[in-house]
N, C-alpha and C. Protein backbone atom coordinates (compact mmCIF):
# COMPACT_ATOMS: atom_id res chain seq x y z
N MET A 1 18.70 -156.25 -13.92
CA MET A 1 18.66 -154.99 -14.64
C MET A 1 20.07 -154.45 -14.78
N ASN A 2 20.21 -153.57 -15.75
CA ASN A 2 21.49 -152.95 -16.06
C ASN A 2 22.57 -153.97 -16.36
N ALA A 3 22.20 -155.05 -17.00
CA ALA A 3 23.15 -156.06 -17.43
C ALA A 3 23.17 -156.09 -18.96
N SER A 4 24.31 -156.31 -19.51
CA SER A 4 24.42 -156.40 -20.96
C SER A 4 23.75 -157.70 -21.44
N PRO A 5 23.47 -157.79 -22.74
CA PRO A 5 22.91 -159.05 -23.24
C PRO A 5 23.79 -160.25 -22.90
N GLU A 6 25.08 -160.07 -22.96
CA GLU A 6 26.00 -161.16 -22.63
C GLU A 6 25.92 -161.53 -21.15
N GLU A 7 25.88 -160.53 -20.28
CA GLU A 7 25.83 -160.76 -18.83
C GLU A 7 24.52 -161.41 -18.40
N SER A 8 23.44 -161.08 -19.09
CA SER A 8 22.13 -161.60 -18.70
C SER A 8 21.71 -162.81 -19.53
N ASP A 9 22.59 -163.30 -20.35
CA ASP A 9 22.29 -164.41 -21.25
C ASP A 9 21.06 -164.09 -22.11
N GLY A 10 20.95 -162.83 -22.50
CA GLY A 10 19.86 -162.38 -23.37
C GLY A 10 18.57 -162.05 -22.68
N ALA A 11 18.47 -162.26 -21.37
CA ALA A 11 17.22 -162.02 -20.65
C ALA A 11 16.86 -160.54 -20.57
N CYS A 12 17.80 -159.66 -20.86
CA CYS A 12 17.51 -158.23 -20.81
C CYS A 12 16.66 -157.77 -22.00
N TYR A 13 16.64 -158.56 -23.07
CA TYR A 13 15.82 -158.20 -24.22
C TYR A 13 14.34 -158.28 -23.86
N THR A 14 13.57 -157.33 -24.32
CA THR A 14 12.15 -157.30 -24.01
C THR A 14 11.47 -158.60 -24.41
N ASP A 15 11.79 -159.13 -25.58
CA ASP A 15 11.16 -160.35 -26.09
C ASP A 15 12.08 -161.56 -25.96
N ALA A 16 12.84 -161.62 -24.89
CA ALA A 16 13.79 -162.73 -24.69
C ALA A 16 13.08 -164.07 -24.67
N ALA A 17 13.67 -165.02 -25.37
CA ALA A 17 13.08 -166.36 -25.42
C ALA A 17 13.33 -167.15 -24.14
N SER A 18 14.33 -166.75 -23.38
CA SER A 18 14.76 -167.55 -22.23
C SER A 18 14.05 -167.22 -20.92
N ILE A 19 13.11 -166.28 -20.93
CA ILE A 19 12.45 -165.90 -19.68
C ILE A 19 11.25 -166.80 -19.40
N SER A 20 10.82 -166.79 -18.16
CA SER A 20 9.69 -167.64 -17.75
C SER A 20 8.38 -167.12 -18.34
N PRO A 21 7.38 -167.98 -18.41
CA PRO A 21 6.06 -167.53 -18.88
C PRO A 21 5.52 -166.37 -18.04
N GLN A 22 5.73 -166.39 -16.73
CA GLN A 22 5.26 -165.30 -15.87
C GLN A 22 5.97 -164.00 -16.21
N ALA A 23 7.28 -164.06 -16.42
CA ALA A 23 8.03 -162.86 -16.80
C ALA A 23 7.55 -162.33 -18.14
N ARG A 24 7.26 -163.22 -19.08
CA ARG A 24 6.77 -162.82 -20.40
C ARG A 24 5.43 -162.10 -20.26
N THR A 25 4.55 -162.66 -19.43
CA THR A 25 3.25 -162.03 -19.18
C THR A 25 3.41 -160.66 -18.54
N ASN A 26 4.28 -160.56 -17.56
CA ASN A 26 4.51 -159.29 -16.88
C ASN A 26 5.08 -158.24 -17.84
N ARG A 27 6.02 -158.66 -18.69
CA ARG A 27 6.60 -157.72 -19.65
C ARG A 27 5.55 -157.26 -20.66
N ALA A 28 4.67 -158.15 -21.07
CA ALA A 28 3.61 -157.78 -22.00
C ALA A 28 2.64 -156.79 -21.36
N LEU A 29 2.33 -156.99 -20.10
CA LEU A 29 1.46 -156.06 -19.38
C LEU A 29 2.12 -154.69 -19.26
N LEU A 30 3.39 -154.69 -18.90
CA LEU A 30 4.14 -153.43 -18.82
C LEU A 30 4.16 -152.73 -20.17
N ALA A 31 4.43 -153.49 -21.22
CA ALA A 31 4.50 -152.92 -22.57
C ALA A 31 3.16 -152.30 -22.98
N ALA A 32 2.08 -152.98 -22.68
CA ALA A 32 0.76 -152.46 -23.03
C ALA A 32 0.48 -151.14 -22.31
N ALA A 33 0.77 -151.09 -21.03
CA ALA A 33 0.51 -149.88 -20.25
C ALA A 33 1.41 -148.72 -20.68
N MET A 34 2.69 -149.00 -20.85
CA MET A 34 3.64 -147.94 -21.20
C MET A 34 3.40 -147.43 -22.62
N SER A 35 3.13 -148.34 -23.54
CA SER A 35 2.85 -147.94 -24.92
C SER A 35 1.58 -147.10 -24.99
N ALA A 36 0.57 -147.48 -24.22
CA ALA A 36 -0.68 -146.71 -24.20
C ALA A 36 -0.47 -145.30 -23.70
N ALA A 37 0.55 -145.11 -22.88
CA ALA A 37 0.87 -143.78 -22.35
C ALA A 37 1.80 -143.00 -23.28
N GLY A 38 2.17 -143.61 -24.42
CA GLY A 38 2.98 -142.91 -25.41
C GLY A 38 4.47 -143.13 -25.31
N LEU A 39 4.89 -144.03 -24.45
CA LEU A 39 6.32 -144.30 -24.32
C LEU A 39 6.72 -145.41 -25.29
N VAL A 40 8.02 -145.47 -25.59
CA VAL A 40 8.54 -146.53 -26.44
C VAL A 40 9.62 -147.28 -25.68
N ASN A 41 9.70 -148.56 -25.96
CA ASN A 41 10.66 -149.44 -25.29
C ASN A 41 11.96 -149.50 -26.07
N TYR A 42 13.06 -149.50 -25.34
CA TYR A 42 14.37 -149.76 -25.90
C TYR A 42 14.53 -151.27 -25.83
N ALA A 43 14.40 -151.93 -26.97
CA ALA A 43 14.19 -153.38 -27.02
C ALA A 43 15.30 -154.24 -26.41
N THR A 44 16.50 -153.68 -26.23
CA THR A 44 17.56 -154.49 -25.61
C THR A 44 17.56 -154.39 -24.10
N GLU A 45 16.64 -153.58 -23.54
CA GLU A 45 16.52 -153.44 -22.08
C GLU A 45 15.03 -153.36 -21.75
N TRP A 46 14.46 -154.46 -21.25
CA TRP A 46 13.01 -154.49 -21.01
C TRP A 46 12.55 -153.39 -20.08
N TRP A 47 13.40 -152.90 -19.22
CA TRP A 47 13.04 -151.88 -18.23
C TRP A 47 13.20 -150.46 -18.74
N HIS A 48 13.76 -150.28 -19.95
CA HIS A 48 14.09 -148.95 -20.47
C HIS A 48 12.97 -148.46 -21.38
N TRP A 49 12.28 -147.43 -20.91
CA TRP A 49 11.20 -146.80 -21.67
C TRP A 49 11.53 -145.33 -21.85
N SER A 50 11.19 -144.79 -22.98
CA SER A 50 11.58 -143.41 -23.31
C SER A 50 10.37 -142.58 -23.74
N TYR A 51 10.49 -141.30 -23.47
CA TYR A 51 9.51 -140.34 -23.95
C TYR A 51 10.22 -139.01 -24.17
N GLY A 52 10.15 -138.52 -25.38
CA GLY A 52 10.70 -137.21 -25.68
C GLY A 52 12.21 -137.17 -25.90
N ASP A 53 12.84 -138.31 -26.01
CA ASP A 53 14.29 -138.31 -26.27
C ASP A 53 14.57 -138.94 -27.62
N ARG A 54 15.83 -139.18 -27.92
CA ARG A 54 16.18 -139.70 -29.24
C ARG A 54 15.62 -141.10 -29.50
N TYR A 55 15.48 -141.93 -28.49
CA TYR A 55 14.90 -143.27 -28.68
C TYR A 55 13.42 -143.17 -28.99
N TRP A 56 12.76 -142.25 -28.38
CA TRP A 56 11.34 -142.04 -28.58
C TRP A 56 11.07 -141.47 -29.98
N ALA A 57 11.92 -140.54 -30.40
CA ALA A 57 11.74 -139.86 -31.70
C ALA A 57 11.90 -140.86 -32.82
């Protein structure tokens, strides 16, 4: 976490192609739960979810 795309070899992207199948499944589960609660993902950081700020708007 908190690594640039270059530092993480792109793994920080929510839909990164280089992550394991388990990580992909976990990210999809997180995305479903967070999106259902009204949050939006900052796509270059899988862990970054927003509500009520400029990314959310």
